[in-house]
PDB file of all heavy atoms in Angstrom:
ATOM      1  N   VAL A   1       5.721  -3.122  -1.707  1.00  0.00           N
ATOM      2  CA  VAL A   1       4.702  -3.632  -2.644  1.00  0.00           C
ATOM      3  C   VAL A   1       4.294  -5.055  -2.239  1.00  0.00           C
ATOM      4  O   VAL A   1       5.141  -5.936  -2.112  1.00  0.00           O
ATOM      5  CB  VAL A   1       5.216  -3.657  -4.102  1.00  0.00           C
ATOM      6  CG1 VAL A   1       4.191  -4.302  -5.050  1.00  0.00           C
ATOM      7  CG2 VAL A   1       5.521  -2.236  -4.570  1.00  0.00           C
ATOM      8  N   TYR A   2       2.990  -5.219  -2.013  1.00  0.00           N
ATOM      9  CA  TYR A   2       2.474  -6.547  -1.669  1.00  0.00           C
ATOM     10  C   TYR A   2       1.890  -7.222  -2.893  1.00  0.00           C
ATOM     11  O   TYR A   2       1.179  -6.597  -3.697  1.00  0.00           O
ATOM     12  CB  TYR A   2       1.391  -6.427  -0.618  1.00  0.00           C
ATOM     13  CG  TYR A   2       0.794  -7.762  -0.174  1.00  0.00           C
ATOM     14  CD1 TYR A   2       1.480  -8.517   0.773  1.00  0.00           C
ATOM     15  CD2 TYR A   2      -0.392  -8.244  -0.678  1.00  0.00           C
ATOM     16  CE1 TYR A   2       0.971  -9.777   1.192  1.00  0.00           C
ATOM     17  CE2 TYR A   2      -0.886  -9.473  -0.296  1.00  0.00           C
ATOM     18  CZ  TYR A   2      -0.218 -10.219   0.656  1.00  0.00           C
ATOM     19  OH  TYR A   2      -0.708 -11.465   1.064  1.00  0.00           O
ATOM     20  N   SER A   3       2.194  -8.505  -3.096  1.00  0.00           N
ATOM     21  CA  SER A   3       1.673  -9.256  -4.237  1.00  0.00           C
ATOM     22  C   SER A   3       0.685 -10.273  -3.721  1.00  0.00           C
ATOM     23  O   SER A   3       0.999 -11.137  -2.892  1.00  0.00           O
ATOM     24  CB  SER A   3       2.812  -9.985  -4.944  1.00  0.00           C
ATOM     25  OG  SER A   3       2.343 -10.961  -5.846  1.00  0.00           O
ATOM     26  N   HIS A   4      -0.558 -10.235  -4.245  1.00  0.00           N
ATOM     27  CA  HIS A   4      -1.564 -11.235  -3.877  1.00  0.00           C
ATOM     28  C   HIS A   4      -1.237 -12.563  -4.509  1.00  0.00           C
ATOM     29  O   HIS A   4      -1.679 -13.617  -4.044  1.00  0.00           O
ATOM     30  CB  HIS A   4      -2.953 -10.741  -4.279  1.00  0.00           C
ATOM     31  CG  HIS A   4      -3.464  -9.656  -3.388  1.00  0.00           C
ATOM     32  ND1 HIS A   4      -4.046  -9.937  -2.156  1.00  0.00           N
ATOM     33  CD2 HIS A   4      -3.462  -8.310  -3.491  1.00  0.00           C
ATOM     34  CE1 HIS A   4      -4.409  -8.788  -1.572  1.00  0.00           C
ATOM     35  NE2 HIS A   4      -4.036  -7.793  -2.363  1.00  0.00           N
ATOM     36  N   LEU A   5      -0.521 -12.529  -5.642  1.00  0.00           N
ATOM     37  CA  LEU A   5      -0.084 -13.776  -6.254  1.00  0.00           C
ATOM     38  C   LEU A   5       0.924 -14.505  -5.396  1.00  0.00           C
ATOM     39  O   LEU A   5       0.767 -15.697  -5.051  1.00  0.00           O
ATOM     40  CB  LEU A   5       0.512 -13.510  -7.654  1.00  0.00           C
ATOM     41  CG  LEU A   5       1.109 -14.742  -8.357  1.00  0.00           C
ATOM     42  CD1 LEU A   5       0.040 -15.798  -8.578  1.00  0.00           C
ATOM     43  CD2 LEU A   5       1.768 -14.348  -9.678  1.00  0.00           C
ATOM     44  N   ALA A   6       1.961 -13.771  -4.983  1.00  0.00           N
ATOM     45  CA  ALA A   6       2.981 -14.347  -4.118  1.00  0.00           C
ATOM     46  C   ALA A   6       2.522 -14.461  -2.666  1.00  0.00           C
ATOM     47  O   ALA A   6       3.140 -15.170  -1.860  1.00  0.00           O
ATOM     48  CB  ALA A   6       4.261 -13.546  -4.205  1.00  0.00           C
ATOM     49  N   TYR A   7       1.477 -13.731  -2.329  1.00  0.00           N
ATOM     50  CA  TYR A   7       0.927 -13.703  -0.952  1.00  0.00           C
ATOM     51  C   TYR A   7       1.982 -13.208   0.022  1.00  0.00           C
ATOM     52  O   TYR A   7       2.136 -13.666   1.146  1.00  0.00           O
ATOM     53  CB  TYR A   7       0.461 -15.094  -0.542  1.00  0.00           C
ATOM     54  CG  TYR A   7      -0.449 -15.137   0.664  1.00  0.00           C
ATOM     55  CD1 TYR A   7      -1.663 -14.479   0.706  1.00  0.00           C
ATOM     56  CD2 TYR A   7      -0.039 -15.865   1.815  1.00  0.00           C
ATOM     57  CE1 TYR A   7      -2.479 -14.526   1.838  1.00  0.00           C
ATOM     58  CE2 TYR A   7      -0.855 -15.919   2.943  1.00  0.00           C
ATOM     59  CZ  TYR A   7      -2.058 -15.247   2.950  1.00  0.00           C
ATOM     60  OH  TYR A   7      -2.899 -15.287   4.053  1.00  0.00           O
ATOM     61  N   ASP A   8       2.767 -12.182  -0.450  1.00  0.00           N
ATOM     62  CA  ASP A   8       3.884 -11.716   0.393  1.00  0.00           C
ATOM     63  C   ASP A   8       4.341 -10.351  -0.150  1.00  0.00           C
ATOM     64  O   ASP A   8       4.015  -9.944  -1.276  1.00  0.00           O
ATOM     65  CB  ASP A   8       5.065 -12.716   0.300  1.00  0.00           C
ATOM     66  CG  ASP A   8       6.022 -12.612   1.490  1.00  0.00           C
ATOM     67  OD1 ASP A   8       5.823 -11.700   2.365  1.00  0.00           O
ATOM     68  OD2 ASP A   8       6.922 -13.453   1.598  1.00  0.00           O
ATOM     69  N   ILE A   9       5.133  -9.658   0.685  1.00  0.00           N
ATOM     70  CA  ILE A   9       5.814  -8.460   0.235  1.00  0.00           C
ATOM     71  C   ILE A   9       6.887  -8.837  -0.776  1.00  0.00           C
ATOM     72  O   ILE A   9       7.634  -9.818  -0.567  1.00  0.00           O
ATOM     73  CB  ILE A   9       6.429  -7.696   1.421  1.00  0.00           C
ATOM     74  CG1 ILE A   9       5.352  -7.276   2.443  1.00  0.00           C
ATOM     75  CG2 ILE A   9       7.245  -6.525   1.005  1.00  0.00           C
ATOM     76  CD1 ILE A   9       4.391  -6.236   1.914  1.00  0.00           C
ATOM     77  N   LEU A  10       7.020  -8.069  -1.852  1.00  0.00           N
ATOM     78  CA  LEU A  10       8.009  -8.382  -2.867  1.00  0.00           C
ATOM     79  C   LEU A  10       9.336  -7.698  -2.547  1.00  0.00           C
ATOM     80  O   LEU A  10       9.418  -6.466  -2.484  1.00  0.00           O
ATOM     81  CB  LEU A  10       7.526  -7.890  -4.252  1.00  0.00           C
ATOM     82  CG  LEU A  10       6.234  -8.552  -4.760  1.00  0.00           C
ATOM     83  CD1 LEU A  10       5.830  -7.942  -6.089  1.00  0.00           C
ATOM     84  CD2 LEU A  10       6.425 -10.076  -4.900  1.00  0.00           C
ATOM     85  N   PRO A  11      10.378  -8.458  -2.318  1.00  0.00           N
ATOM     86  CA  PRO A  11      11.671  -7.883  -1.933  1.00  0.00           C
ATOM     87  C   PRO A  11      12.192  -6.941  -3.036  1.00  0.00           C
ATOM     88  O   PRO A  11      12.150  -7.268  -4.218  1.00  0.00           O
ATOM     89  CB  PRO A  11      12.601  -9.120  -1.784  1.00  0.00           C
ATOM     90  CG  PRO A  11      11.695 -10.263  -1.588  1.00  0.00           C
ATOM     91  CD  PRO A  11      10.459  -9.953  -2.367  1.00  0.00           C
ATOM     92  N   GLY A  12      12.652  -5.769  -2.617  1.00  0.00           N
ATOM     93  CA  GLY A  12      13.270  -4.852  -3.532  1.00  0.00           C
ATOM     94  C   GLY A  12      12.355  -4.025  -4.377  1.00  0.00           C
ATOM     95  O   GLY A  12      12.796  -3.163  -5.143  1.00  0.00           O
ATOM     96  N   GLN A  13      11.043  -4.241  -4.275  1.00  0.00           N
ATOM     97  CA  GLN A  13      10.100  -3.447  -5.068  1.00  0.00           C
ATOM     98  C   GLN A  13       9.436  -2.366  -4.223  1.00  0.00           C
ATOM     99  O   GLN A  13       9.127  -2.645  -3.053  1.00  0.00           O
ATOM    100  CB  GLN A  13       9.031  -4.365  -5.707  1.00  0.00           C
ATOM    101  CG  GLN A  13       9.618  -5.315  -6.750  1.00  0.00           C
ATOM    102  CD  GLN A  13       8.538  -5.848  -7.640  1.00  0.00           C
ATOM    103  OE1 GLN A  13       7.538  -5.221  -7.929  1.00  0.00           O
ATOM    104  NE2 GLN A  13       8.775  -7.079  -8.152  1.00  0.00           N
ATOM    105  N   ARG A  14       9.239  -1.218  -4.790  1.00  0.00           N
ATOM    106  CA  ARG A  14       8.631  -0.079  -4.086  1.00  0.00           C
ATOM    107  C   ARG A  14       7.625   0.601  -4.974  1.00  0.00           C
ATOM    108  O   ARG A  14       7.786   0.675  -6.162  1.00  0.00           O
ATOM    109  CB  ARG A  14       9.679   0.925  -3.647  1.00  0.00           C
ATOM    110  CG  ARG A  14      10.875   0.395  -2.879  1.00  0.00           C
ATOM    111  CD  ARG A  14      10.572   0.026  -1.461  1.00  0.00           C
ATOM    112  NE  ARG A  14      10.173   1.172  -0.614  1.00  0.00           N
ATOM    113  CZ  ARG A  14       9.954   1.079   0.697  1.00  0.00           C
ATOM    114  NH1 ARG A  14      10.014  -0.090   1.311  1.00  0.00           N
ATOM    115  NH2 ARG A  14       9.616   2.153   1.403  1.00  0.00           N
ATOM    116  N   GLN A  15       6.555   1.127  -4.352  1.00  0.00           N
ATOM    117  CA  GLN A  15       5.593   1.982  -5.029  1.00  0.00           C
ATOM    118  C   GLN A  15       5.934   3.406  -4.712  1.00  0.00           C
ATOM    119  O   GLN A  15       6.046   3.786  -3.565  1.00  0.00           O
ATOM    120  CB  GLN A  15       4.168   1.692  -4.629  1.00  0.00           C
ATOM    121  CG  GLN A  15       3.142   2.572  -5.251  1.00  0.00           C
ATOM    122  CD  GLN A  15       1.699   2.317  -4.821  1.00  0.00           C
ATOM    123  OE1 GLN A  15       1.456   1.344  -4.050  1.00  0.00           O
ATOM    124  NE2 GLN A  15       0.782   3.119  -5.257  1.00  0.00           N
ATOM    125  N   SER A  16       6.108   4.246  -5.762  1.00  0.00           N
ATOM    126  CA  SER A  16       6.451   5.656  -5.552  1.00  0.00           C
ATOM    127  C   SER A  16       5.186   6.501  -5.653  1.00  0.00           C
ATOM    128  O   SER A  16       4.346   6.311  -6.535  1.00  0.00           O
ATOM    129  CB  SER A  16       7.424   6.105  -6.640  1.00  0.00           C
ATOM    130  OG  SER A  16       8.679   5.460  -6.448  1.00  0.00           O
ATOM    131  N   VAL A  17       5.081   7.448  -4.726  1.00  0.00           N
ATOM    132  CA  VAL A  17       3.977   8.399  -4.684  1.00  0.00           C
ATOM    133  C   VAL A  17       4.609   9.787  -4.724  1.00  0.00           C
ATOM    134  O   VAL A  17       5.407  10.156  -3.865  1.00  0.00           O
ATOM    135  CB  VAL A  17       3.121   8.235  -3.449  1.00  0.00           C
ATOM    136  CG1 VAL A  17       2.061   9.343  -3.321  1.00  0.00           C
ATOM    137  CG2 VAL A  17       2.471   6.859  -3.443  1.00  0.00           C
ATOM    138  N   ARG A  18       4.221  10.606  -5.731  1.00  0.00           N
ATOM    139  CA  ARG A  18       4.860  11.889  -5.963  1.00  0.00           C
ATOM    140  C   ARG A  18       3.821  13.011  -5.873  1.00  0.00           C
ATOM    141  O   ARG A  18       3.100  13.281  -6.798  1.00  0.00           O
ATOM    142  CB  ARG A  18       5.547  11.920  -7.340  1.00  0.00           C
ATOM    143  CG  ARG A  18       6.671  10.900  -7.480  1.00  0.00           C
ATOM    144  CD  ARG A  18       7.274  10.975  -8.873  1.00  0.00           C
ATOM    145  NE  ARG A  18       8.424  10.076  -8.997  1.00  0.00           N
ATOM    146  CZ  ARG A  18       8.335   8.787  -9.394  1.00  0.00           C
ATOM    147  NH1 ARG A  18       7.108   8.287  -9.668  1.00  0.00           N
ATOM    148  NH2 ARG A  18       9.396   8.033  -9.478  1.00  0.00           N
ATOM    149  N   ARG A  19       3.732  13.610  -4.720  1.00  0.00           N
ATOM    150  CA  ARG A  19       2.901  14.784  -4.435  1.00  0.00           C
ATOM    151  C   ARG A  19       1.516  14.726  -5.138  1.00  0.00           C
ATOM    152  O   ARG A  19       1.182  15.533  -5.991  1.00  0.00           O
ATOM    153  CB  ARG A  19       3.635  16.048  -4.881  1.00  0.00           C
ATOM    154  CG  ARG A  19       4.745  16.441  -3.916  1.00  0.00           C
ATOM    155  CD  ARG A  19       5.377  17.754  -4.271  1.00  0.00           C
ATOM    156  NE  ARG A  19       6.302  18.197  -3.251  1.00  0.00           N
ATOM    157  CZ  ARG A  19       7.170  19.210  -3.403  1.00  0.00           C
ATOM    158  NH1 ARG A  19       7.250  19.856  -4.534  1.00  0.00           N
ATOM    159  NH2 ARG A  19       7.973  19.528  -2.417  1.00  0.00           N
ATOM    160  N   PRO A  20       0.680  13.798  -4.720  1.00  0.00           N
ATOM    161  CA  PRO A  20      -0.670  13.728  -5.334  1.00  0.00           C
ATOM    162  C   PRO A  20      -1.556  14.831  -4.819  1.00  0.00           C
ATOM    163  O   PRO A  20      -1.351  15.384  -3.710  1.00  0.00           O
ATOM    164  CB  PRO A  20      -1.160  12.361  -4.822  1.00  0.00           C
ATOM    165  CG  PRO A  20      -0.484  12.178  -3.517  1.00  0.00           C
ATOM    166  CD  PRO A  20       0.891  12.784  -3.695  1.00  0.00           C
ATOM    167  N   ASP A  21      -2.524  15.213  -5.621  1.00  0.00           N
ATOM    168  CA  ASP A  21      -3.587  16.094  -5.177  1.00  0.00           C
ATOM    169  C   ASP A  21      -4.587  15.334  -4.316  1.00  0.00           C
ATOM    170  O   ASP A  21      -5.179  15.884  -3.374  1.00  0.00           O
ATOM    171  CB  ASP A  21      -4.297  16.723  -6.348  1.00  0.00           C
ATOM    172  CG  ASP A  21      -3.382  17.506  -7.243  1.00  0.00           C
ATOM    173  OD1 ASP A  21      -2.677  18.415  -6.731  1.00  0.00           O
ATOM    174  OD2 ASP A  21      -3.307  17.249  -8.457  1.00  0.00           O
ATOM    175  N   VAL A  22      -4.807  14.074  -4.713  1.00  0.00           N
ATOM    176  CA  VAL A  22      -5.732  13.189  -3.965  1.00  0.00           C
ATOM    177  C   VAL A  22      -5.039  11.870  -3.693  1.00  0.00           C
ATOM    178  O   VAL A  22      -4.432  11.271  -4.599  1.00  0.00           O
ATOM    179  CB  VAL A  22      -7.037  12.931  -4.762  1.00  0.00           C
ATOM    180  CG1 VAL A  22      -7.943  11.994  -4.015  1.00  0.00           C
ATOM    181  CG2 VAL A  22      -7.757  14.251  -5.074  1.00  0.00           C
ATOM    182  N   LEU A  23      -5.061  11.432  -2.468  1.00  0.00           N
ATOM    183  CA  LEU A  23      -4.514  10.163  -2.069  1.00  0.00           C
ATOM    184  C   LEU A  23      -5.642   9.253  -1.579  1.00  0.00           C
ATOM    185  O   LEU A  23      -6.403   9.643  -0.691  1.00  0.00           O
ATOM    186  CB  LEU A  23      -3.481  10.320  -0.936  1.00  0.00           C
ATOM    187  CG  LEU A  23      -2.918   9.037  -0.308  1.00  0.00           C
ATOM    188  CD1 LEU A  23      -2.086   8.280  -1.325  1.00  0.00           C
ATOM    189  CD2 LEU A  23      -2.111   9.359   0.931  1.00  0.00           C
ATOM    190  N   ILE A  24      -5.788   8.089  -2.204  1.00  0.00           N
ATOM    191  CA  ILE A  24      -6.796   7.107  -1.783  1.00  0.00           C
ATOM    192  C   ILE A  24      -6.086   5.957  -1.079  1.00  0.00           C
ATOM    193  O   ILE A  24      -5.165   5.326  -1.659  1.00  0.00           O
ATOM    194  CB  ILE A  24      -7.600   6.567  -2.981  1.00  0.00           C
ATOM    195  CG1 ILE A  24      -8.345   7.708  -3.681  1.00  0.00           C
ATOM    196  CG2 ILE A  24      -8.590   5.490  -2.534  1.00  0.00           C
ATOM    197  CD1 ILE A  24      -9.109   7.288  -4.933  1.00  0.00           C
ATOM    198  N   LEU A  25      -6.455   5.724   0.166  1.00  0.00           N
ATOM    199  CA  LEU A  25      -5.893   4.603   0.949  1.00  0.00           C
ATOM    200  C   LEU A  25      -6.976   3.541   1.115  1.00  0.00           C
ATOM    201  O   LEU A  25      -8.111   3.866   1.562  1.00  0.00           O
ATOM    202  CB  LEU A  25      -5.451   5.072   2.354  1.00  0.00           C
ATOM    203  CG  LEU A  25      -4.253   6.012   2.416  1.00  0.00           C
ATOM    204  CD1 LEU A  25      -4.142   6.587   3.812  1.00  0.00           C
ATOM    205  CD2 LEU A  25      -2.987   5.276   1.995  1.00  0.00           C
ATOM    206  N   GLU A  26      -6.675   2.302   0.740  1.00  0.00           N
ATOM    207  CA  GLU A  26      -7.661   1.212   0.818  1.00  0.00           C
ATOM    208  C   GLU A  26      -7.105   0.102   1.654  1.00  0.00           C
ATOM    209  O   GLU A  26      -5.935  -0.304   1.477  1.00  0.00           O
ATOM    210  CB  GLU A  26      -7.996   0.721  -0.600  1.00  0.00           C
ATOM    211  CG  GLU A  26      -8.896  -0.477  -0.655  1.00  0.00           C
ATOM    212  CD  GLU A  26      -8.125  -1.766  -0.822  1.00  0.00           C
ATOM    213  OE1 GLU A  26      -7.172  -1.813  -1.628  1.00  0.00           O
ATOM    214  OE2 GLU A  26      -8.447  -2.747  -0.074  1.00  0.00           O
ATOM    215  N   GLY A  27      -7.932  -0.417   2.590  1.00  0.00           N
ATOM    216  CA  GLY A  27      -7.440  -1.532   3.398  1.00  0.00           C
ATOM    217  C   GLY A  27      -8.338  -1.892   4.569  1.00  0.00           C
ATOM    218  O   GLY A  27      -9.174  -1.091   4.968  1.00  0.00           O
ATOM    219  N   LEU A  28      -8.087  -3.060   5.111  1.00  0.00           N
ATOM    220  CA  LEU A  28      -8.852  -3.530   6.254  1.00  0.00           C
ATOM    221  C   LEU A  28      -8.741  -2.633   7.450  1.00  0.00           C
ATOM    222  O   LEU A  28      -9.664  -2.411   8.199  1.00  0.00           O
ATOM    223  CB  LEU A  28      -8.382  -4.937   6.657  1.00  0.00           C
ATOM    224  CG  LEU A  28      -8.376  -6.048   5.635  1.00  0.00           C
ATOM    225  CD1 LEU A  28      -7.696  -7.300   6.211  1.00  0.00           C
ATOM    226  CD2 LEU A  28      -9.778  -6.389   5.160  1.00  0.00           C
ATOM    227  N   ASN A  29      -7.521  -2.080   7.653  1.00  0.00           N
ATOM    228  CA  ASN A  29      -7.167  -1.440   8.903  1.00  0.00           C
ATOM    229  C   ASN A  29      -7.096   0.102   8.795  1.00  0.00           C
ATOM    230  O   ASN A  29      -6.638   0.747   9.714  1.00  0.00           O
ATOM    231  CB  ASN A  29      -5.792  -1.936   9.382  1.00  0.00           C
ATOM    232  CG  ASN A  29      -4.679  -1.596   8.369  1.00  0.00           C
ATOM    233  OD1 ASN A  29      -4.932  -1.476   7.166  1.00  0.00           O
ATOM    234  ND2 ASN A  29      -3.461  -1.440   8.877  1.00  0.00           N
ATOM    235  N   VAL A  30      -7.590   0.647   7.720  1.00  0.00           N
ATOM    236  CA  VAL A  30      -7.333   2.077   7.480  1.00  0.00           C
ATOM    237  C   VAL A  30      -8.074   2.988   8.446  1.00  0.00           C
ATOM    238  O   VAL A  30      -7.683   4.159   8.651  1.00  0.00           O
ATOM    239  CB  VAL A  30      -7.619   2.408   5.999  1.00  0.00           C
ATOM    240  CG1 VAL A  30      -9.105   2.501   5.761  1.00  0.00           C
ATOM    241  CG2 VAL A  30      -6.903   3.688   5.528  1.00  0.00           C
ATOM    242  N   LEU A  31      -9.118   2.508   9.090  1.00  0.00           N
ATOM    243  CA  LEU A  31      -9.857   3.297  10.061  1.00  0.00           C
ATOM    244  C   LEU A  31      -9.602   2.855  11.508  1.00  0.00           C
ATOM    245  O   LEU A  31     -10.309   3.277  12.428  1.00  0.00           O
ATOM    246  CB  LEU A  31     -11.370   3.259   9.749  1.00  0.00           C
ATOM    247  CG  LEU A  31     -11.784   3.917   8.446  1.00  0.00           C
ATOM    248  CD1 LEU A  31     -13.297   3.827   8.253  1.00  0.00           C
ATOM    249  CD2 LEU A  31     -11.355   5.379   8.375  1.00  0.00           C
ATOM    250  N   GLN A  32      -8.597   2.011  11.709  1.00  0.00           N
ATOM    251  CA  GLN A  32      -8.327   1.531  13.038  1.00  0.00           C
ATOM    252  C   GLN A  32      -7.900   2.686  13.966  1.00  0.00           C
ATOM    253  O   GLN A  32      -7.172   3.571  13.574  1.00  0.00           O
ATOM    254  CB  GLN A  32      -7.150   0.532  13.018  1.00  0.00           C
ATOM    255  CG  GLN A  32      -7.522  -0.801  12.355  1.00  0.00           C
ATOM    256  CD  GLN A  32      -8.444  -1.624  13.194  1.00  0.00           C
ATOM    257  OE1 GLN A  32      -8.439  -1.582  14.396  1.00  0.00           O
ATOM    258  NE2 GLN A  32      -9.274  -2.442  12.514  1.00  0.00           N
ATOM    259  N   PRO A  33      -8.377   2.676  15.208  1.00  0.00           N
ATOM    260  CA  PRO A  33      -7.952   3.701  16.164  1.00  0.00           C
ATOM    261  C   PRO A  33      -6.508   3.465  16.573  1.00  0.00           C
ATOM    262  O   PRO A  33      -5.983   2.345  16.459  1.00  0.00           O
ATOM    263  CB  PRO A  33      -8.930   3.509  17.339  1.00  0.00           C
ATOM    264  CG  PRO A  33      -9.346   2.078  17.268  1.00  0.00           C
ATOM    265  CD  PRO A  33      -9.351   1.745  15.776  1.00  0.00           C
ATOM    266  N   ALA A  34      -5.889   4.522  17.087  1.00  0.00           N
ATOM    267  CA  ALA A  34      -4.485   4.405  17.537  1.00  0.00           C
ATOM    268  C   ALA A  34      -4.404   3.919  18.974  1.00  0.00           C
ATOM    269  O   ALA A  34      -5.386   4.021  19.734  1.00  0.00           O
ATOM    270  CB  ALA A  34      -3.816   5.738  17.434  1.00  0.00           C
TER     271      ALA A  34
END
């Protein structure tokens, strides 16, 4: 989990994703080639 307030990854915190029907990925690099 990234915090824009702390401007850093939060130690010990995780976001759980449980079998979604639709997954939305948002970000600067999401279409970057490999």
